[in-house]
C-alpha atoms as a PDB file:
ATOM      1  CA  MET A   1      64.272  67.915  76.018  1.00  0.00           C
ATOM      2  CA  ARG A   2      66.763  67.276  73.197  1.00  0.00           C
ATOM      3  CA  ALA A   3      67.563  70.998  73.013  1.00  0.00           C
ATOM      4  CA  THR A   4      68.100  71.063  76.763  1.00  0.00           C
ATOM      5  CA  ASN A   5      70.407  68.032  76.625  1.00  0.00           C
ATOM      6  CA  ASN A   6      72.408  69.535  73.782  1.00  0.00           C
ATOM      7  CA  LEU A   7      72.800  72.764  75.716  1.00  0.00           C
ATOM      8  CA  THR A   8      73.934  70.855  78.788  1.00  0.00           C
ATOM      9  CA  ARG A   9      76.499  68.881  76.784  1.00  0.00           C
ATOM     10  CA  ARG A  10      77.843  72.079  75.218  1.00  0.00           C
ATOM     11  CA  ARG A  11      78.211  73.702  78.619  1.00  0.00           C
ATOM     12  CA  LEU A  12      79.944  70.690  80.117  1.00  0.00           C
ATOM     13  CA  GLY A  13      82.226  70.436  77.105  1.00  0.00           C
ATOM     14  CA  ALA A  14      83.183  74.072  77.374  1.00  0.00           C
ATOM     15  CA  LEU A  15      83.987  73.690  81.049  1.00  0.00           C
ATOM     16  CA  GLY A  16      85.958  70.526  80.404  1.00  0.00           C
ATOM     17  CA  ILE A  17      88.073  72.168  77.723  1.00  0.00           C
ATOM     18  CA  ALA A  18      88.655  75.496  79.448  1.00  0.00           C
ATOM     19  CA  GLY A  19      87.060  75.684  82.864  1.00  0.00           C
ATOM     20  CA  ALA A  20      88.594  78.941  83.943  1.00  0.00           C
ATOM     21  CA  ALA A  21      87.764  80.710  80.705  1.00  0.00           C
ATOM     22  CA  ALA A  22      84.164  79.468  80.739  1.00  0.00           C
ATOM     23  CA  ALA A  23      83.723  80.533  84.345  1.00  0.00           C
ATOM     24  CA  ALA A  24      85.080  83.991  83.579  1.00  0.00           C
ATOM     25  CA  SER A  25      82.728  84.299  80.584  1.00  0.00           C
ATOM     26  CA  SER A  26      79.804  83.315  82.789  1.00  0.00           C
ATOM     27  CA  TYR A  27      80.612  86.081  85.258  1.00  0.00           C
ATOM     28  CA  LEU A  28      80.967  88.604  82.473  1.00  0.00           C
ATOM     29  CA  ALA A  29      77.595  87.563  81.060  1.00  0.00           C
ATOM     30  CA  ARG A  30      75.801  88.127  84.395  1.00  0.00           C
ATOM     31  CA  PRO A  31      77.405  91.223  85.952  1.00  0.00           C
ATOM     32  CA  ALA A  32      74.241  92.708  87.453  1.00  0.00           C
ATOM     33  CA  LEU A  33      73.251  89.462  89.198  1.00  0.00           C
ATOM     34  CA  ALA A  34      76.773  88.850  90.503  1.00  0.00           C
ATOM     35  CA  ALA A  35      77.129  92.398  91.764  1.00  0.00           C
ATOM     36  CA  SER A  36      73.749  92.539  93.480  1.00  0.00           C
ATOM     37  CA  SER A  37      74.429  89.395  95.510  1.00  0.00           C
ATOM     38  CA  TRP A  38      78.115  90.029  96.313  1.00  0.00           C
ATOM     39  CA  PRO A  39      79.357  88.732  98.602  1.00  0.00           C
ATOM     40  CA  ASP A  40      77.408  85.577  99.361  1.00  0.00           C
ATOM     41  CA  ARG A  41      80.458  83.778 100.777  1.00  0.00           C
ATOM     42  CA  PRO A  42      83.787  84.798 102.352  1.00  0.00           C
ATOM     43  CA  VAL A  43      86.113  86.955 100.271  1.00  0.00           C
ATOM     44  CA  ARG A  44      89.819  86.146 100.149  1.00  0.00           C
ATOM     45  CA  LEU A  45      92.230  89.085 100.285  1.00  0.00           C
ATOM     46  CA  ILE A  46      95.764  88.121  99.338  1.00  0.00           C
ATOM     47  CA  VAL A  47      98.427  90.234 101.044  1.00  0.00           C
ATOM     48  CA  PRO A  48     101.676  89.867  99.074  1.00  0.00           C
ATOM     49  CA  PHE A  49     103.880  90.543 102.115  1.00  0.00           C
ATOM     50  CA  GLY A  50     104.396  88.996 105.531  1.00  0.00           C
ATOM     51  CA  ALA A  51     102.274  89.384 108.633  1.00  0.00           C
ATOM     52  CA  GLY A  52     102.825  92.458 110.789  1.00  0.00           C
ATOM     53  CA  GLY A  53     103.879  94.884 108.057  1.00  0.00           C
ATOM     54  CA  ALA A  54     102.055  98.046 107.048  1.00  0.00           C
ATOM     55  CA  VAL A  55      99.893  96.525 104.311  1.00  0.00           C
ATOM     56  CA  ASP A  56      99.073  93.480 106.447  1.00  0.00           C
ATOM     57  CA  THR A  57      98.006  95.717 109.338  1.00  0.00           C
ATOM     58  CA  LEU A  58      95.848  97.797 107.003  1.00  0.00           C
ATOM     59  CA  SER A  59      94.276  94.700 105.441  1.00  0.00           C
ATOM     60  CA  ARG A  60      93.366  93.240 108.825  1.00  0.00           C
ATOM     61  CA  THR A  61      91.854  96.551 109.930  1.00  0.00           C
ATOM     62  CA  VAL A  62      89.723  96.622 106.779  1.00  0.00           C
ATOM     63  CA  GLY A  63      88.863  92.944 107.172  1.00  0.00           C
ATOM     64  CA  HIS A  64      87.654  93.509 110.735  1.00  0.00           C
ATOM     65  CA  HIS A  65      84.983  95.946 109.517  1.00  0.00           C
ATOM     66  CA  PHE A  66      84.180  94.130 106.270  1.00  0.00           C
ATOM     67  CA  PRO A  67      81.180  92.044 107.458  1.00  0.00           C
ATOM     68  CA  ARG A  68      79.326  95.209 108.528  1.00  0.00           C
ATOM     69  CA  PHE A  69      79.015  96.365 104.916  1.00  0.00           C
ATOM     70  CA  ALA A  70      79.263  93.046 103.058  1.00  0.00           C
ATOM     71  CA  ASN A  71      76.156  91.017 103.917  1.00  0.00           C
ATOM     72  CA  GLY A  72      77.802  89.721 107.077  1.00  0.00           C
ATOM     73  CA  GLN A  73      80.454  87.844 105.122  1.00  0.00           C
ATOM     74  CA  ASN A  74      84.063  87.614 106.324  1.00  0.00           C
ATOM     75  CA  MET A  75      87.210  88.771 104.601  1.00  0.00           C
ATOM     76  CA  VAL A  76      89.903  86.115 104.941  1.00  0.00           C
ATOM     77  CA  ILE A  77      93.439  87.511 104.909  1.00  0.00           C
ATOM     78  CA  GLU A  78      96.009  85.276 103.229  1.00  0.00           C
ATOM     79  CA  ASN A  79      99.694  86.217 103.256  1.00  0.00           C
ATOM     80  CA  ARG A  80     101.465  85.102 100.063  1.00  0.00           C
ATOM     81  CA  THR A  81     105.030  86.354 100.307  1.00  0.00           C
ATOM     82  CA  GLY A  82     107.983  86.339  97.939  1.00  0.00           C
ATOM     83  CA  ALA A  83     109.750  88.182  95.118  1.00  0.00           C
ATOM     84  CA  GLY A  84     108.825  91.668  96.284  1.00  0.00           C
ATOM     85  CA  GLY A  85     105.115  90.951  96.215  1.00  0.00           C
ATOM     86  CA  VAL A  86     104.875  89.347  92.782  1.00  0.00           C
ATOM     87  CA  VAL A  87     104.153  85.848  94.165  1.00  0.00           C
ATOM     88  CA  GLY A  88     100.948  87.104  95.730  1.00  0.00           C
ATOM     89  CA  GLY A  89     100.268  89.236  92.681  1.00  0.00           C
ATOM     90  CA  GLY A  90     100.590  86.226  90.400  1.00  0.00           C
ATOM     91  CA  ALA A  91      98.104  84.253  92.504  1.00  0.00           C
ATOM     92  CA  VAL A  92      95.468  86.939  91.971  1.00  0.00           C
ATOM     93  CA  ALA A  93      96.328  87.564  88.323  1.00  0.00           C
ATOM     94  CA  THR A  94      95.397  83.951  87.510  1.00  0.00           C
ATOM     95  CA  ALA A  95      92.285  83.779  89.712  1.00  0.00           C
ATOM     96  CA  ALA A  96      88.702  83.869  88.435  1.00  0.00           C
ATOM     97  CA  PRO A  97      87.428  87.478  88.068  1.00  0.00           C
ATOM     98  CA  ASP A  98      84.439  86.818  90.322  1.00  0.00           C
ATOM     99  CA  GLY A  99      85.145  89.278  93.150  1.00  0.00           C
ATOM    100  CA  TYR A 100      86.088  86.581  95.669  1.00  0.00           C
ATOM    101  CA  THR A 101      89.867  86.750  95.269  1.00  0.00           C
ATOM    102  CA  LEU A 102      91.330  90.223  95.682  1.00  0.00           C
ATOM    103  CA  LEU A 103      94.819  91.665  96.105  1.00  0.00           C
ATOM    104  CA  ALA A 104      96.170  94.210  98.545  1.00  0.00           C
ATOM    105  CA  ALA A 105      97.796  96.169  95.727  1.00  0.00           C
ATOM    106  CA  ASP A 106     101.315  97.558  95.962  1.00  0.00           C
ATOM    107  CA  ILE A 107     103.791  99.190  93.598  1.00  0.00           C
ATOM    108  CA  GLY A 108     105.789  95.958  93.121  1.00  0.00           C
ATOM    109  CA  PRO A 109     103.150  93.488  91.923  1.00  0.00           C
ATOM    110  CA  ASN A 110     100.874  96.107  90.370  1.00  0.00           C
ATOM    111  CA  VAL A 111     103.188  98.600  88.633  1.00  0.00           C
ATOM    112  CA  ILE A 112     106.922  97.930  88.380  1.00  0.00           C
ATOM    113  CA  GLY A 113     107.354  94.158  88.597  1.00  0.00           C
ATOM    114  CA  LYS A 114     107.986  93.779  84.872  1.00  0.00           C
ATOM    115  CA  ALA A 115     110.429  96.705  84.805  1.00  0.00           C
ATOM    116  CA  LEU A 116     112.436  95.077  87.592  1.00  0.00           C
ATOM    117  CA  ASN A 117     112.228  91.576  86.154  1.00  0.00           C
ATOM    118  CA  PRO A 118     111.447  91.149  82.432  1.00  0.00           C
ATOM    119  CA  LYS A 119     110.881  87.430  83.072  1.00  0.00           C
ATOM    120  CA  LEU A 120     107.869  88.126  85.281  1.00  0.00           C
ATOM    121  CA  PRO A 121     105.085  85.775  84.099  1.00  0.00           C
ATOM    122  CA  TYR A 122     102.410  88.495  84.023  1.00  0.00           C
ATOM    123  CA  GLU A 123     102.168  92.125  82.943  1.00  0.00           C
ATOM    124  CA  PRO A 124     101.327  94.230  86.024  1.00  0.00           C
ATOM    125  CA  MET A 125      99.590  96.993  84.092  1.00  0.00           C
ATOM    126  CA  THR A 126      97.127  94.658  82.352  1.00  0.00           C
ATOM    127  CA  ALA A 127      96.786  91.626  84.663  1.00  0.00           C
ATOM    128  CA  PHE A 128      94.572  93.357  87.231  1.00  0.00           C
ATOM    129  CA  THR A 129      91.336  95.283  87.613  1.00  0.00           C
ATOM    130  CA  PRO A 130      91.918  98.441  89.710  1.00  0.00           C
ATOM    131  CA  ILE A 131      89.279  98.883  92.434  1.00  0.00           C
ATOM    132  CA  LEU A 132      90.514 101.707  94.665  1.00  0.00           C
ATOM    133  CA  GLN A 133      93.502 103.249  96.373  1.00  0.00           C
ATOM    134  CA  MET A 134      93.217 102.714 100.101  1.00  0.00           C
ATOM    135  CA  VAL A 135      95.992 104.774 101.715  1.00  0.00           C
ATOM    136  CA  LYS A 136      99.228 106.626 101.197  1.00  0.00           C
ATOM    137  CA  LEU A 137     102.063 106.642 103.711  1.00  0.00           C
ATOM    138  CA  PRO A 138     104.623 109.460 103.666  1.00  0.00           C
ATOM    139  CA  ALA A 139     108.305 108.587 103.994  1.00  0.00           C
ATOM    140  CA  VAL A 140     111.137 110.384 105.754  1.00  0.00           C
ATOM    141  CA  VAL A 141     114.827 110.824 105.031  1.00  0.00           C
ATOM    142  CA  ILE A 142     116.634 109.688 108.179  1.00  0.00           C
ATOM    143  CA  ALA A 143     120.222 110.163 109.273  1.00  0.00           C
ATOM    144  CA  GLY A 144     122.361 109.099 112.198  1.00  0.00           C
ATOM    145  CA  LYS A 145     122.004 111.388 115.192  1.00  0.00           C
ATOM    146  CA  ASP A 146     125.689 112.375 115.049  1.00  0.00           C
ATOM    147  CA  MET A 147     125.912 112.993 111.312  1.00  0.00           C
ATOM    148  CA  PRO A 148     127.510 116.461 110.876  1.00  0.00           C
ATOM    149  CA  GLU A 149     125.375 117.469 107.869  1.00  0.00           C
ATOM    150  CA  ARG A 150     122.124 118.712 109.362  1.00  0.00           C
ATOM    151  CA  THR A 151     119.930 119.503 106.368  1.00  0.00           C
ATOM    152  CA  LEU A 152     119.145 117.849 103.061  1.00  0.00           C
ATOM    153  CA  ALA A 153     120.872 120.731 101.285  1.00  0.00           C
ATOM    154  CA  ASP A 154     124.000 120.054 103.367  1.00  0.00           C
ATOM    155  CA  ILE A 155     123.873 116.360 102.454  1.00  0.00           C
ATOM    156  CA  ILE A 156     123.489 117.090  98.748  1.00  0.00           C
ATOM    157  CA  ALA A 157     126.343 119.611  98.787  1.00  0.00           C
ATOM    158  CA  ALA A 158     128.663 117.181 100.606  1.00  0.00           C
ATOM    159  CA  SER A 159     127.740 114.374  98.223  1.00  0.00           C
ATOM    160  CA  LYS A 160     128.556 116.526  95.208  1.00  0.00           C
ATOM    161  CA  LYS A 161     131.989 117.292  96.659  1.00  0.00           C
ATOM    162  CA  GLN A 162     132.634 113.633  97.524  1.00  0.00           C
ATOM    163  CA  PRO A 163     130.759 111.263  95.200  1.00  0.00           C
ATOM    164  CA  ASP A 164     129.906 107.957  96.873  1.00  0.00           C
ATOM    165  CA  LYS A 165     130.381 109.598 100.273  1.00  0.00           C
ATOM    166  CA  TYR A 166     127.109 108.212 101.612  1.00  0.00           C
ATOM    167  CA  VAL A 167     125.668 104.722 101.893  1.00  0.00           C
ATOM    168  CA  TYR A 168     121.900 104.478 102.164  1.00  0.00           C
ATOM    169  CA  ALA A 169     119.865 101.502 103.344  1.00  0.00           C
ATOM    170  CA  SER A 170     116.626 100.290 101.760  1.00  0.00           C
ATOM    171  CA  ALA A 171     114.045  97.623 102.539  1.00  0.00           C
ATOM    172  CA  GLY A 172     114.974  95.731  99.357  1.00  0.00           C
ATOM    173  CA  ILE A 173     115.626  96.167  95.652  1.00  0.00           C
ATOM    174  CA  GLY A 174     112.691  97.931  94.027  1.00  0.00           C
ATOM    175  CA  ASN A 175     111.079  98.773  97.359  1.00  0.00           C
ATOM    176  CA  GLY A 176     109.716 102.294  97.792  1.00  0.00           C
ATOM    177  CA  SER A 177     112.591 103.149 100.128  1.00  0.00           C
ATOM    178  CA  HIS A 178     114.966 102.235  97.285  1.00  0.00           C
ATOM    179  CA  LEU A 179     113.089 104.059  94.531  1.00  0.00           C
ATOM    180  CA  PHE A 180     112.566 107.205  96.584  1.00  0.00           C
ATOM    181  CA  MET A 181     116.272 107.557  97.254  1.00  0.00           C
ATOM    182  CA  GLU A 182     117.126 106.879  93.621  1.00  0.00           C
ATOM    183  CA  LEU A 183     114.650 109.595  92.650  1.00  0.00           C
ATOM    184  CA  LEU A 184     116.401 111.930  95.098  1.00  0.00           C
ATOM    185  CA  ASN A 185     119.760 110.959  93.581  1.00  0.00           C
ATOM    186  CA  GLN A 186     118.488 111.664  90.094  1.00  0.00           C
ATOM    187  CA  GLN A 187     116.825 114.985  90.842  1.00  0.00           C
ATOM    188  CA  ALA A 188     119.662 116.260  93.050  1.00  0.00           C
ATOM    189  CA  GLY A 189     122.381 115.151  90.623  1.00  0.00           C
ATOM    190  CA  ILE A 190     124.206 112.981  93.169  1.00  0.00           C
ATOM    191  CA  LYS A 191     125.054 109.311  93.602  1.00  0.00           C
ATOM    192  CA  MET A 192     124.772 107.476  96.901  1.00  0.00           C
ATOM    193  CA  ILE A 193     125.633 103.816  97.415  1.00  0.00           C
ATOM    194  CA  HIS A 194     122.687 101.480  97.889  1.00  0.00           C
ATOM    195  CA  THR A 195     122.635  98.635 100.434  1.00  0.00           C
ATOM    196  CA  PRO A 196     119.389  96.602 100.464  1.00  0.00           C
ATOM    197  CA  TYR A 197     118.011  94.993 103.612  1.00  0.00           C
ATOM    198  CA  ARG A 198     114.898  92.904 104.275  1.00  0.00           C
ATOM    199  CA  GLY A 199     112.434  95.352 105.783  1.00  0.00           C
ATOM    200  CA  GLY A 200     111.658  98.896 106.879  1.00  0.00           C
ATOM    201  CA  ASN A 201     112.857  98.399 110.440  1.00  0.00           C
ATOM    202  CA  ASP A 202     116.209  97.158 109.105  1.00  0.00           C
ATOM    203  CA  ILE A 203     116.751 100.577 107.516  1.00  0.00           C
ATOM    204  CA  SER A 204     116.537 102.308 110.876  1.00  0.00           C
ATOM    205  CA  LEU A 205     118.767  99.734 112.568  1.00  0.00           C
ATOM    206  CA  ALA A 206     121.411  99.998 109.825  1.00  0.00           C
ATOM    207  CA  VAL A 207     121.541 103.781 110.176  1.00  0.00           C
ATOM    208  CA  MET A 208     121.709 103.590 113.960  1.00  0.00           C
ATOM    209  CA  ARG A 209     124.589 101.116 113.773  1.00  0.00           C
ATOM    210  CA  GLY A 210     126.433 103.288 111.274  1.00  0.00           C
ATOM    211  CA  ASP A 211     126.333 100.640 108.553  1.00  0.00           C
ATOM    212  CA  ALA A 212     124.552 103.254 106.447  1.00  0.00           C
ATOM    213  CA  GLN A 213     124.412 107.010 106.837  1.00  0.00           C
ATOM    214  CA  LEU A 214     120.947 107.557 105.386  1.00  0.00           C
ATOM    215  CA  GLY A 215     117.617 105.880 104.671  1.00  0.00           C
ATOM    216  CA  PHE A 216     114.192 106.762 103.289  1.00  0.00           C
ATOM    217  CA  PRO A 217     111.669 104.524 105.131  1.00  0.00           C
ATOM    218  CA  THR A 218     108.011 105.199 105.855  1.00  0.00           C
ATOM    219  CA  ILE A 219     107.513 107.581 108.740  1.00  0.00           C
ATOM    220  CA  SER A 220     105.713 104.898 110.755  1.00  0.00           C
ATOM    221  CA  SER A 221     108.655 102.473 110.634  1.00  0.00           C
ATOM    222  CA  ALA A 222     111.149 105.065 111.908  1.00  0.00           C
ATOM    223  CA  LEU A 223     108.988 107.279 114.128  1.00  0.00           C
ATOM    224  CA  SER A 224     109.716 105.633 117.479  1.00  0.00           C
ATOM    225  CA  TYR A 225     113.489 105.854 116.865  1.00  0.00           C
ATOM    226  CA  ILE A 226     113.181 109.497 115.857  1.00  0.00           C
ATOM    227  CA  ARG A 227     111.142 110.358 118.940  1.00  0.00           C
ATOM    228  CA  GLU A 228     113.598 108.661 121.280  1.00  0.00           C
ATOM    229  CA  GLY A 229     116.521 110.484 119.638  1.00  0.00           C
ATOM    230  CA  SER A 230     118.256 107.453 118.135  1.00  0.00           C
ATOM    231  CA  LEU A 231     117.718 108.796 114.611  1.00  0.00           C
ATOM    232  CA  ARG A 232     117.269 112.244 113.124  1.00  0.00           C
ATOM    233  CA  ALA A 233     114.511 113.158 110.675  1.00  0.00           C
ATOM    234  CA  VAL A 234     115.964 115.243 107.838  1.00  0.00           C
ATOM    235  CA  ALA A 235     113.029 115.751 105.455  1.00  0.00           C
ATOM    236  CA  VAL A 236     109.613 114.225 104.688  1.00  0.00           C
ATOM    237  CA  SER A 237     108.594 113.007 101.242  1.00  0.00           C
ATOM    238  CA  ASP A 238     105.149 114.544 101.019  1.00  0.00           C
ATOM    239  CA  PRO A 239     104.750 118.303 100.481  1.00  0.00           C
ATOM    240  CA  GLN A 240     101.917 118.228 103.032  1.00  0.00           C
ATOM    241  CA  LEU A 241     104.052 118.028 106.139  1.00  0.00           C
ATOM    242  CA  SER A 242     103.222 115.076 108.349  1.00  0.00           C
ATOM    243  CA  PRO A 243     101.606 115.982 111.675  1.00  0.00           C
ATOM    244  CA  SER A 244     103.653 113.139 113.172  1.00  0.00           C
ATOM    245  CA  LEU A 245     106.860 115.121 112.526  1.00  0.00           C
ATOM    246  CA  PRO A 246     106.048 118.775 113.143  1.00  0.00           C
ATOM    247  CA  GLY A 247     108.725 121.192 112.019  1.00  0.00           C
ATOM    248  CA  ILE A 248     110.475 118.760 109.671  1.00  0.00           C
ATOM    249  CA  PRO A 249     110.733 120.275 106.166  1.00  0.00           C
ATOM    250  CA  ALA A 250     109.661 118.586 102.965  1.00  0.00           C
ATOM    251  CA  VAL A 251     112.173 117.263 100.469  1.00  0.00           C
ATOM    252  CA  ALA A 252     110.419 119.594  98.010  1.00  0.00           C
ATOM    253  CA  ASP A 253     111.754 122.581  99.964  1.00  0.00           C
ATOM    254  CA  THR A 254     115.215 121.602  98.706  1.00  0.00           C
ATOM    255  CA  ILE A 255     114.295 119.758  95.481  1.00  0.00           C
ATOM    256  CA  PRO A 256     111.265 121.576  94.025  1.00  0.00           C
ATOM    257  CA  GLY A 257     108.534 119.249  92.805  1.00  0.00           C
ATOM    258  CA  PHE A 258     109.719 116.208  94.741  1.00  0.00           C
ATOM    259  CA  ASP A 259     106.646 114.277  95.875  1.00  0.00           C
ATOM    260  CA  CYS A 260     106.310 110.576  96.581  1.00  0.00           C
ATOM    261  CA  ALA A 261     104.700 108.235  99.078  1.00  0.00           C
ATOM    262  CA  VAL A 262     104.151 104.566  99.720  1.00  0.00           C
ATOM    263  CA  TRP A 263     100.600 103.545  98.785  1.00  0.00           C
ATOM    264  CA  TYR A 264      98.381 100.504  99.049  1.00  0.00           C
ATOM    265  CA  GLY A 265      95.198  99.751  97.161  1.00  0.00           C
ATOM    266  CA  LEU A 266      92.783  97.015  96.179  1.00  0.00           C
ATOM    267  CA  ALA A 267      92.725  95.152  92.871  1.00  0.00           C
ATOM    268  CA  GLY A 268      91.241  92.018  91.370  1.00  0.00           C
ATOM    269  CA  PRO A 269      92.032  89.860  88.364  1.00  0.00           C
ATOM    270  CA  ALA A 270      91.640  91.392  84.931  1.00  0.00           C
ATOM    271  CA  GLY A 271      88.193  91.053  83.371  1.00  0.00           C
ATOM    272  CA  MET A 272      86.007  91.765  86.379  1.00  0.00           C
ATOM    273  CA  PRO A 273      82.512  93.042  85.441  1.00  0.00           C
ATOM    274  CA  ARG A 274      82.153  96.788  85.923  1.00  0.00           C
ATOM    275  CA  ASP A 275      79.105  96.428  88.201  1.00  0.00           C
ATOM    276  CA  MET A 276      81.066  94.069  90.420  1.00  0.00           C
ATOM    277  CA  VAL A 277      83.993  96.499  90.608  1.00  0.00           C
ATOM    278  CA  LEU A 278      81.677  99.357  91.566  1.00  0.00           C
ATOM    279  CA  ARG A 279      79.988  97.230  94.236  1.00  0.00           C
ATOM    280  CA  ILE A 280      83.316  96.322  95.855  1.00  0.00           C
ATOM    281  CA  ASN A 281      84.494  99.920  95.551  1.00  0.00           C
ATOM    282  CA  GLU A 282      81.358 101.088  97.345  1.00  0.00           C
ATOM    283  CA  VAL A 283      81.862  98.651 100.219  1.00  0.00           C
ATOM    284  CA  MET A 284      85.528  99.543 100.629  1.00  0.00           C
ATOM    285  CA  ASN A 285      84.903 103.287 100.555  1.00  0.00           C
ATOM    286  CA  LYS A 286      82.367 102.867 103.362  1.00  0.00           C
ATOM    287  CA  ILE A 287      84.955 101.018 105.434  1.00  0.00           C
ATOM    288  CA  LEU A 288      87.657 103.603 104.755  1.00  0.00           C
ATOM    289  CA  ALA A 289      85.265 106.402 105.761  1.00  0.00           C
ATOM    290  CA  LEU A 290      84.894 104.998 109.289  1.00  0.00           C
ATOM    291  CA  PRO A 291      86.518 107.347 111.839  1.00  0.00           C
ATOM    292  CA  GLU A 292      88.164 104.399 113.593  1.00  0.00           C
ATOM    293  CA  VAL A 293      89.790 103.256 110.355  1.00  0.00           C
ATOM    294  CA  ARG A 294      91.036 106.745 109.522  1.00  0.00           C
ATOM    295  CA  ASP A 295      92.341 107.142 113.069  1.00  0.00           C
ATOM    296  CA  SER A 296      94.102 103.773 112.890  1.00  0.00           C
ATOM    297  CA  VAL A 297      95.848 104.697 109.628  1.00  0.00           C
ATOM    298  CA  ALA A 298      96.905 108.078 111.026  1.00  0.00           C
ATOM    299  CA  GLN A 299      98.050 106.843 114.423  1.00  0.00           C
ATOM    300  CA  THR A 300      99.650 103.490 113.638  1.00  0.00           C
ATOM    301  CA  GLN A 301     101.023 104.263 110.162  1.00  0.00           C
ATOM    302  CA  ALA A 302     101.299 108.077 110.088  1.00  0.00           C
ATOM    303  CA  GLY A 303      99.328 107.804 106.850  1.00  0.00           C
ATOM    304  CA  MET A 304      96.247 109.142 105.115  1.00  0.00           C
ATOM    305  CA  VAL A 305      93.156 107.374 103.796  1.00  0.00           C
ATOM    306  CA  VAL A 306      92.591 108.019 100.081  1.00  0.00           C
ATOM    307  CA  GLY A 307      89.569 106.117  98.739  1.00  0.00           C
ATOM    308  CA  GLY A 308      87.938 107.250  95.490  1.00  0.00           C
ATOM    309  CA  THR A 309      86.781 105.574  92.292  1.00  0.00           C
ATOM    310  CA  PRO A 310      88.233 102.685  90.280  1.00  0.00           C
ATOM    311  CA  ASP A 311      89.149 105.193  87.563  1.00  0.00           C
ATOM    312  CA  ASP A 312      91.004 107.328  90.115  1.00  0.00           C
ATOM    313  CA  PHE A 313      93.100 104.318  91.075  1.00  0.00           C
ATOM    314  CA  ALA A 314      93.706 103.308  87.458  1.00  0.00           C
ATOM    315  CA  GLN A 315      95.003 106.801  86.717  1.00  0.00           C
ATOM    316  CA  HIS A 316      97.224 106.675  89.808  1.00  0.00           C
ATOM    317  CA  LEU A 317      98.714 103.359  88.669  1.00  0.00           C
ATOM    318  CA  GLN A 318      99.417 104.805  85.229  1.00  0.00           C
ATOM    319  CA  ARG A 319     101.152 107.845  86.712  1.00  0.00           C
ATOM    320  CA  GLU A 320     103.262 105.600  88.952  1.00  0.00           C
ATOM    321  CA  HIS A 321     104.254 103.459  85.974  1.00  0.00           C
ATOM    322  CA  GLU A 322     105.229 106.498  83.933  1.00  0.00           C
ATOM    323  CA  ARG A 323     107.346 107.785  86.811  1.00  0.00           C
ATOM    324  CA  TRP A 324     109.110 104.676  88.079  1.00  0.00           C
ATOM    325  CA  ALA A 325     109.607 102.422  85.051  1.00  0.00           C
ATOM    326  CA  PRO A 326     111.932 104.930  83.293  1.00  0.00           C
ATOM    327  CA  LEU A 327     113.837 105.580  86.539  1.00  0.00           C
ATOM    328  CA  ILE A 328     114.339 101.830  87.035  1.00  0.00           C
ATOM    329  CA  ARG A 329     115.747 101.504  83.501  1.00  0.00           C
ATOM    330  CA  GLU A 330     117.993 104.564  83.814  1.00  0.00           C
ATOM    331  CA  ALA A 331     119.341 103.476  87.193  1.00  0.00           C
ATOM    332  CA  GLY A 332     119.881  99.889  85.997  1.00  0.00           C
ATOM    333  CA  ILE A 333     117.807  98.421  88.823  1.00  0.00           C
ATOM    334  CA  THR A 334     116.991  94.751  88.295  1.00  0.00           C
ATOM    335  CA  VAL A 335     116.105  91.630  90.253  1.00  0.00           C
ATOM    336  CA  GLY A 336     115.964  89.196  87.321  1.00  0.00           C
END
């Protein structure tokens, strides 16, 4: 009895001194038990952007099918917006690594946040446990319908003759639409003027109004305007031409090796037990394999399901960091 009481006091003392740390240690000490029973209550998925956007739509599609493969438990979607996704990212980075608070991962909170803002309170490359990449969404260079330059090669040639000739719109500083165009600038040896807006649809509207001549949004955000003739598709970002824009060349046809896409994944706090990570990965891959999920991604977002292992996603994050962090420094992009 005395030994039991001493053990109880030690446990209570540990929790009183550092509750979060003790809880995390407990999970790490019992990975097989935690993984085998997961989930036994609702799982919270934090989406670091507002409702109605691409990652929110994807998360709600996944959440709809989640109970089927997750012991009948619900996935609760929580939008935590602000600072290009790092507010939501920070909420997950400080959560217990128990598999019940997850993040809809994005390049901002999970890769480049520190490069954009050195004052960021967490390190994106070490604050999370990668679980899997869910999708990738190709982007498209758009131009006004009356713009005289018809091809990307024409645009590059004109920009070299008249530096700062073109203004391009983005969905915000450090957003994919910003980074993709800066990568194009760098690889083509040109310099276009950047004007940030608040979202992907704003890019299309700015180009249609003539406030900007070019943009590089996701295909899904510009597709309706392209189809109605209000905008012109110049080139797609992915070498595998999008079936949504047949006949539109790839940027790589003009700039060899150019390849980029918006992506979204799933991550948890750092320190999650490996068995737990594999269990969640298994559930999510089953959801992503559903024909209705793949069709939804293709039809509503002009994107492709990826899936794969936690190691696949970790390697993808590392490649993204090695690509974009140097570009951000060289281009002097900052939000802090």
